[in-house]
């Protein structure tokens, strides 16, 4: 997977984590409106550190956050970055639990001072693979936004200890965390829109939704997960389930 596709996947994973939101069961939780069944990212830290509006978080917002975590000012800067620099940013992102960008910059500055020459991004990539991935010479404990295997195990243990609450959250998540796959990336956008509406018609007959509630459902292509659009389902005054589509967030 090339670097741009990697960062696109991270943005989609962050967006998926946000779409697991359910109303906060414990009202004493400081400042958060929703609980999250997070899989990929430390959602609560991201909400706090980046001032996220929990009610209005889109895939474009996720892309912006991923770009900021990766050290760029915005997503468009990330995707226009030279390949070798983007590869270095990808490595730092993947291994942010082992070394942060500040420590890496200090290390490279020392290397450059010792060798009396500037090290380009391509050279830094090779150094990173050697000293961080293979030799792991840095003895550091870093709090990072990615959920590592160790952290994922801790989360499982916490959820197991509070099994009753987890069951409630899981039932609520099953109802709201719906996604639909249809069509292929090779289909025309007009065809994909038509397929989305056909699937939405089917879903509107089976979805469980209360009055004054809106459920957002992402629609993805089935062969390779690209976002087509987001459908919002609710009940009208007569009690029938209706939906609207927003195709502005598409990644196609």
Protein backbone atom coordinates (compact mmCIF):
# COMPACT_ATOMS: atom_id res chain seq x y z
CA UNK A 1 0.00 0.00 0.00
CA UNK A 2 1.48 3.34 -1.00
CA UNK A 3 1.67 6.21 1.49
CA UNK A 4 -1.33 8.20 0.24
CA UNK A 5 -3.57 5.10 0.27
CA UNK A 6 -2.28 4.35 3.79
CA UNK A 7 -3.30 7.78 5.06
CA UNK A 8 -6.67 7.52 3.27
CA UNK A 9 -7.24 4.24 5.11
CA UNK A 10 -6.35 5.88 8.45
CA UNK A 11 -8.87 8.64 7.80
CA UNK A 12 -11.54 6.04 7.01
CA UNK A 13 -10.67 4.08 10.17
CA UNK A 14 -10.91 7.23 12.27
CA UNK A 15 -14.28 7.99 10.68
CA UNK A 16 -15.44 4.43 11.37
CA UNK A 17 -14.47 4.78 15.04
CA UNK A 18 -16.50 7.99 15.29
CA UNK A 19 -19.54 6.33 13.70
CA UNK A 20 -19.72 3.88 16.64
CA UNK A 21 -20.93 6.69 18.91
CA UNK A 22 -23.78 5.92 21.31
CA UNK A 23 -25.34 8.21 23.95
CA UNK A 24 -23.20 8.44 27.08
CA UNK A 25 -24.38 5.85 29.60
CA UNK A 26 -22.35 7.36 32.44
CA UNK A 27 -23.28 11.05 32.68
CA UNK A 28 -20.30 11.66 34.97
CA UNK A 29 -17.87 11.23 32.03
CA UNK A 30 -16.14 14.53 31.67
CA UNK A 31 -17.26 16.57 28.72
CA UNK A 32 -18.06 13.84 26.21
CA UNK A 33 -21.49 13.56 24.61
CA UNK A 34 -21.06 9.99 23.36
CA UNK A 35 -19.43 6.68 24.14
CA UNK A 36 -17.32 5.05 21.42
CA UNK A 37 -16.52 1.42 20.68
CA UNK A 38 -13.11 2.38 19.40
CA UNK A 39 -11.01 -0.02 17.34
CA UNK A 40 -8.31 2.03 15.67
CA UNK A 41 -7.82 5.32 17.51
CA UNK A 42 -7.90 6.88 20.98
CA UNK A 43 -11.07 8.77 20.14
CA UNK A 44 -11.44 10.58 23.46
CA UNK A 45 -7.91 12.01 23.24
CA UNK A 46 -8.51 13.13 19.66
CA UNK A 47 -11.78 14.83 20.59
CA UNK A 48 -10.07 16.72 23.40
CA UNK A 49 -6.84 17.61 21.61
CA UNK A 50 -8.40 18.71 18.33
CA UNK A 51 -11.61 20.31 19.64
CA UNK A 52 -13.85 17.91 17.70
CA UNK A 53 -17.57 18.65 17.36
CA UNK A 54 -19.00 15.22 18.15
CA UNK A 55 -22.27 15.94 16.35
CA UNK A 56 -20.68 17.11 13.11
CA UNK A 57 -17.73 14.91 12.26
CA UNK A 58 -17.27 14.04 8.58
CA UNK A 59 -14.74 12.06 6.58
CA UNK A 60 -13.18 15.37 5.55
CA UNK A 61 -12.73 16.23 9.25
CA UNK A 62 -11.11 12.83 9.74
CA UNK A 63 -8.70 13.51 6.88
CA UNK A 64 -7.75 16.86 8.44
CA UNK A 65 -7.09 15.25 11.84
CA UNK A 66 -4.96 12.50 10.28
CA UNK A 67 -2.94 15.12 8.42
CA UNK A 68 -2.36 17.06 11.66
CA UNK A 69 -1.28 13.92 13.53
CA UNK A 70 1.10 13.15 10.65
CA UNK A 71 2.69 16.60 10.99
CA UNK A 72 1.00 18.47 8.13
CA UNK A 73 -1.13 21.61 8.37
CA UNK A 74 -3.95 20.15 6.26
CA UNK A 75 -4.93 17.18 4.10
CA UNK A 76 -4.18 18.86 0.78
CA UNK A 77 -0.62 19.50 1.94
CA UNK A 78 -0.24 15.82 2.84
CA UNK A 79 -1.38 14.49 -0.53
CA UNK A 80 0.90 16.94 -2.42
CA UNK A 81 4.00 16.01 -0.42
CA UNK A 82 6.96 14.36 -2.16
CA UNK A 83 6.91 10.55 -2.02
CA UNK A 84 10.01 10.08 0.16
CA UNK A 85 8.86 12.69 2.70
CA UNK A 86 5.42 11.09 2.77
CA UNK A 87 6.99 7.67 3.34
CA UNK A 88 8.88 9.07 6.33
CA UNK A 89 5.66 10.61 7.67
CA UNK A 90 3.95 7.22 7.22
CA UNK A 91 6.67 5.47 9.24
CA UNK A 92 6.44 8.04 12.03
CA UNK A 93 2.65 7.64 12.03
CA UNK A 94 2.79 3.84 12.12
CA UNK A 95 5.33 3.79 14.95
CA UNK A 96 4.15 6.78 16.95
CA UNK A 97 4.03 4.56 20.04
CA UNK A 98 7.81 4.09 19.78
CA UNK A 99 9.08 7.57 18.91
CA UNK A 100 7.49 10.96 18.34
CA UNK A 101 8.43 13.50 15.69
CA UNK A 102 10.27 15.75 18.17
CA UNK A 103 12.56 12.95 19.36
CA UNK A 104 13.14 11.89 15.76
CA UNK A 105 14.09 15.44 14.72
CA UNK A 106 16.60 15.63 17.59
CA UNK A 107 18.07 12.26 16.59
CA UNK A 108 18.43 13.28 12.95
CA UNK A 109 19.94 16.64 13.95
CA UNK A 110 22.60 14.77 15.96
CA UNK A 111 23.28 12.45 13.00
CA UNK A 112 23.65 15.40 10.66
CA UNK A 113 26.01 17.17 13.08
CA UNK A 114 28.18 14.05 13.39
CA UNK A 115 28.32 13.46 9.64
CA UNK A 116 28.48 17.18 8.77
CA UNK A 117 25.89 16.74 6.04
CA UNK A 118 22.15 17.10 5.67
CA UNK A 119 20.20 13.86 5.44
CA UNK A 120 17.37 13.89 2.89
CA UNK A 121 14.02 12.20 3.47
CA UNK A 122 14.97 9.09 1.50
CA UNK A 123 18.04 8.55 3.68
CA UNK A 124 16.02 9.20 6.83
CA UNK A 125 13.56 6.50 5.77
CA UNK A 126 16.36 3.92 5.65
CA UNK A 127 17.75 5.10 9.00
CA UNK A 128 14.30 4.89 10.56
CA UNK A 129 13.79 1.33 9.37
CA UNK A 130 17.12 0.36 10.89
CA UNK A 131 17.14 2.13 14.26
CA UNK A 132 13.40 2.18 15.08
CA UNK A 133 11.91 -0.89 13.42
CA UNK A 134 14.81 -3.37 13.38
CA UNK A 135 17.11 -2.34 16.25
CA UNK A 136 14.67 -0.23 18.30
CA UNK A 137 17.35 1.79 20.06
CA UNK A 138 14.88 4.21 21.65
CA UNK A 139 13.72 3.29 25.16
CA UNK A 140 10.66 5.52 25.31
CA UNK A 141 7.11 5.34 26.57
CA UNK A 142 4.90 7.39 24.29
CA UNK A 143 1.22 8.14 24.54
CA UNK A 144 -0.10 7.99 21.01
CA UNK A 145 -3.40 8.26 19.16
CA UNK A 146 -3.20 4.81 17.57
CA UNK A 147 -4.61 1.87 19.49
CA UNK A 148 -1.75 -0.61 19.65
CA UNK A 149 -2.15 -4.31 20.39
CA UNK A 150 -1.18 -3.75 24.06
CA UNK A 151 -3.68 -0.94 24.48
CA UNK A 152 -6.33 -2.96 22.67
CA UNK A 153 -5.85 -5.75 25.23
CA UNK A 154 -6.26 -3.28 28.11
CA UNK A 155 -9.45 -1.97 26.54
CA UNK A 156 -10.77 -5.53 26.27
CA UNK A 157 -10.03 -6.15 29.94
CA UNK A 158 -11.79 -2.96 31.01
CA UNK A 159 -14.81 -3.83 28.90
CA UNK A 160 -14.87 -7.33 30.38
CA UNK A 161 -14.83 -5.95 33.93
CA UNK A 162 -17.86 -3.82 33.13
CA UNK A 163 -19.72 -6.42 31.11
CA UNK A 164 -23.25 -5.18 31.81
CA UNK A 165 -22.52 -1.71 30.47
CA UNK A 166 -20.70 -3.17 27.49
CA UNK A 167 -23.78 -5.23 26.56
CA UNK A 168 -25.97 -2.14 26.64
CA UNK A 169 -23.52 -0.24 24.47
CA UNK A 170 -23.23 -3.15 22.05
CA UNK A 171 -26.99 -3.38 21.56
CA UNK A 172 -27.21 0.34 20.94
CA UNK A 173 -24.24 0.22 18.59
CA UNK A 174 -25.78 -2.63 16.59
CA UNK A 175 -28.76 -0.41 15.90
CA UNK A 176 -26.87 2.72 14.90
CA UNK A 177 -23.57 1.48 13.51
CA UNK A 178 -24.86 0.45 10.10
CA UNK A 179 -22.94 0.66 6.85
CA UNK A 180 -23.96 -0.42 3.35
CA UNK A 181 -21.75 -1.70 0.52
CA UNK A 182 -22.92 -1.48 -3.06
CA UNK A 183 -21.47 -1.02 -6.52
CA UNK A 184 -17.84 -0.81 -7.56
CA UNK A 185 -15.29 1.97 -7.88
CA UNK A 186 -15.40 1.42 -11.64
CA UNK A 187 -19.13 2.25 -11.80
CA UNK A 188 -20.22 5.74 -12.80
CA UNK A 189 -21.16 8.03 -9.94
CA UNK A 190 -24.70 8.28 -11.29
CA UNK A 191 -25.01 4.48 -11.13
CA UNK A 192 -23.60 4.42 -7.59
CA UNK A 193 -26.12 7.05 -6.50
CA UNK A 194 -28.93 4.95 -7.95
CA UNK A 195 -27.66 1.82 -6.16
CA UNK A 196 -27.41 3.74 -2.89
CA UNK A 197 -31.04 4.83 -3.15
CA UNK A 198 -32.16 1.29 -3.95
CA UNK A 199 -30.34 -0.01 -0.85
CA UNK A 200 -31.73 2.85 1.22
CA UNK A 201 -35.26 1.91 0.14
CA UNK A 202 -34.65 -1.62 1.43
CA UNK A 203 -33.09 -0.40 4.67
CA UNK A 204 -35.92 2.04 5.38
CA UNK A 205 -38.29 -0.96 5.62
CA UNK A 206 -36.23 -2.77 8.28
CA UNK A 207 -34.30 -0.14 10.24
CA UNK A 208 -35.31 0.46 13.87
CA UNK A 209 -35.50 4.16 14.61
CA UNK A 210 -37.38 6.20 17.20
CA UNK A 211 -39.17 9.49 16.71
CA UNK A 212 -36.98 12.61 16.65
CA UNK A 213 -33.90 10.44 16.02
CA UNK A 214 -31.60 10.57 13.02
CA UNK A 215 -29.26 7.72 12.08
CA UNK A 216 -26.38 8.33 9.67
CA UNK A 217 -25.46 5.39 7.44
CA UNK A 218 -22.30 5.45 5.28
CA UNK A 219 -22.53 3.83 1.84
CA UNK A 220 -19.28 2.29 0.53
CA UNK A 221 -18.21 0.68 -2.71
CA UNK A 222 -17.94 -3.08 -2.30
CA UNK A 223 -14.78 -3.99 -4.26
CA UNK A 224 -12.54 -1.42 -2.53
CA UNK A 225 -13.98 0.68 0.34
CA UNK A 226 -14.42 4.20 -1.01
CA UNK A 227 -17.17 6.34 0.50
CA UNK A 228 -20.01 7.08 -1.93
CA UNK A 229 -22.13 9.15 0.43
CA UNK A 230 -23.95 9.25 3.75
CA UNK A 231 -27.65 8.61 4.16
CA UNK A 232 -29.55 10.13 7.07
CA UNK A 233 -32.61 8.17 8.20
CA UNK A 234 -35.41 9.56 10.36
CA UNK A 235 -39.19 9.42 10.81
CA UNK A 236 -41.50 12.03 9.31
CA UNK A 237 -44.63 13.41 10.95
CA UNK A 238 -46.69 10.43 9.80
CA UNK A 239 -44.20 7.99 11.37
CA UNK A 240 -42.76 6.68 8.11
CA UNK A 241 -39.01 6.21 7.77
CA UNK A 242 -37.54 8.68 5.28
CA UNK A 243 -33.99 9.43 4.20
CA UNK A 244 -31.81 12.05 2.57
CA UNK A 245 -28.37 11.66 1.00
CA UNK A 246 -25.21 13.74 1.20
CA UNK A 247 -22.78 12.83 -1.56
CA UNK A 248 -20.42 15.75 -0.87
CA UNK A 249 -18.28 13.61 1.44
CA UNK A 250 -17.47 11.04 -1.25
CA UNK A 251 -13.85 9.87 -1.57
CA UNK A 252 -14.30 8.79 -5.17
